[in-house]
Amino acid sequence: MNQDKEIKKWYVENRWLPAVNNSINGYGMEEWHFIEVADDIRDIKNDLREKTESI
């Protein structure tokens, strides 16, 4: 199960995100980013804050 998860994460980060970000450049949209929320859902606010501050 974890191997499947890692494959999907790799696909999103290395295929899907670059494709989306490449296609939206002509439309003046902001770049998309990926964050995996896999631990305690109660930490989602802090996880999202940390990710947005790192961009």
C-alpha atoms as a PDB file:
ATOM      1  CA  MET A   1       0.000   0.000   0.000  1.00  0.00           C
ATOM      2  CA  ASN A   2       2.782   2.452   0.854  1.00  0.00           C
ATOM      3  CA  GLN A   3       4.531   1.678  -2.438  1.00  0.00           C
ATOM      4  CA  ASP A   4       1.368   2.558  -4.352  1.00  0.00           C
ATOM      5  CA  LYS A   5       1.110   5.774  -2.355  1.00  0.00           C
ATOM      6  CA  GLU A   6       4.706   6.690  -3.155  1.00  0.00           C
ATOM      7  CA  ILE A   7       4.131   6.054  -6.868  1.00  0.00           C
ATOM      8  CA  LYS A   8       1.068   8.307  -6.858  1.00  0.00           C
ATOM      9  CA  LYS A   9       2.921  11.034  -4.949  1.00  0.00           C
ATOM     10  CA  TRP A  10       5.821  10.846  -7.411  1.00  0.00           C
ATOM     11  CA  TYR A  11       3.398  11.068 -10.343  1.00  0.00           C
ATOM     12  CA  VAL A  12       1.681  14.166  -8.914  1.00  0.00           C
ATOM     13  CA  GLU A  13       4.942  15.936  -8.113  1.00  0.00           C
ATOM     14  CA  ASN A  14       6.825  15.011 -11.295  1.00  0.00           C
ATOM     15  CA  ARG A  15       4.149  14.730 -13.970  1.00  0.00           C
ATOM     16  CA  TRP A  16       0.829  16.298 -13.035  1.00  0.00           C
ATOM     17  CA  LEU A  17       2.011  19.491 -11.304  1.00  0.00           C
ATOM     18  CA  PRO A  18       4.546  20.403 -14.002  1.00  0.00           C
ATOM     19  CA  ALA A  19       1.913  19.806 -16.693  1.00  0.00           C
ATOM     20  CA  VAL A  20      -0.691  21.937 -14.915  1.00  0.00           C
ATOM     21  CA  ASN A  21       1.765  24.716 -14.147  1.00  0.00           C
ATOM     22  CA  ASN A  22       3.018  24.712 -17.722  1.00  0.00           C
ATOM     23  CA  SER A  23      -0.493  24.993 -19.136  1.00  0.00           C
ATOM     24  CA  ILE A  24      -1.681  27.814 -16.827  1.00  0.00           C
ATOM     25  CA  ASN A  25       1.213  30.161 -17.595  1.00  0.00           C
ATOM     26  CA  GLY A  26      -0.619  31.580 -20.585  1.00  0.00           C
ATOM     27  CA  TYR A  27      -3.691  32.379 -18.492  1.00  0.00           C
ATOM     28  CA  GLY A  28      -2.054  34.493 -15.797  1.00  0.00           C
ATOM     29  CA  MET A  29      -2.907  32.040 -13.044  1.00  0.00           C
ATOM     30  CA  GLU A  30      -0.798  31.309  -9.989  1.00  0.00           C
ATOM     31  CA  GLU A  31       1.447  28.255  -9.790  1.00  0.00           C
ATOM     32  CA  TRP A  32       0.003  25.150  -8.136  1.00  0.00           C
ATOM     33  CA  HIS A  33       1.782  23.313  -5.328  1.00  0.00           C
ATOM     34  CA  PHE A  34       1.378  19.965  -3.608  1.00  0.00           C
ATOM     35  CA  ILE A  35       1.093  19.163   0.064  1.00  0.00           C
ATOM     36  CA  GLU A  36       0.345  15.763   1.492  1.00  0.00           C
ATOM     37  CA  VAL A  37      -1.713  15.757   4.670  1.00  0.00           C
ATOM     38  CA  ALA A  38      -1.175  12.258   5.960  1.00  0.00           C
ATOM     39  CA  ASP A  39      -0.769  12.587   9.679  1.00  0.00           C
ATOM     40  CA  ASP A  40      -3.175  13.900  12.277  1.00  0.00           C
ATOM     41  CA  ILE A  41      -5.884  15.937  10.554  1.00  0.00           C
ATOM     42  CA  ARG A  42      -5.883  18.304  13.507  1.00  0.00           C
ATOM     43  CA  ASP A  43      -2.492  19.566  12.301  1.00  0.00           C
ATOM     44  CA  ILE A  44      -3.766  20.537   8.851  1.00  0.00           C
ATOM     45  CA  LYS A  45      -3.854  24.259   9.659  1.00  0.00           C
ATOM     46  CA  ASN A  46      -0.214  24.265  10.738  1.00  0.00           C
ATOM     47  CA  ASP A  47       0.829  22.051   7.816  1.00  0.00           C
ATOM     48  CA  LEU A  48      -0.826  24.396   5.326  1.00  0.00           C
ATOM     49  CA  ARG A  49       0.663  27.461   6.992  1.00  0.00           C
ATOM     50  CA  GLU A  50       4.160  25.983   6.844  1.00  0.00           C
ATOM     51  CA  LYS A  51       3.740  25.081   3.175  1.00  0.00           C
ATOM     52  CA  THR A  52       2.424  28.494   2.143  1.00  0.00           C
ATOM     53  CA  GLU A  53       5.206  30.262   4.037  1.00  0.00           C
ATOM     54  CA  SER A  54       7.813  28.126   2.244  1.00  0.00           C
ATOM     55  CA  ILE A  55       6.539  29.103  -1.222  1.00  0.00           C
END
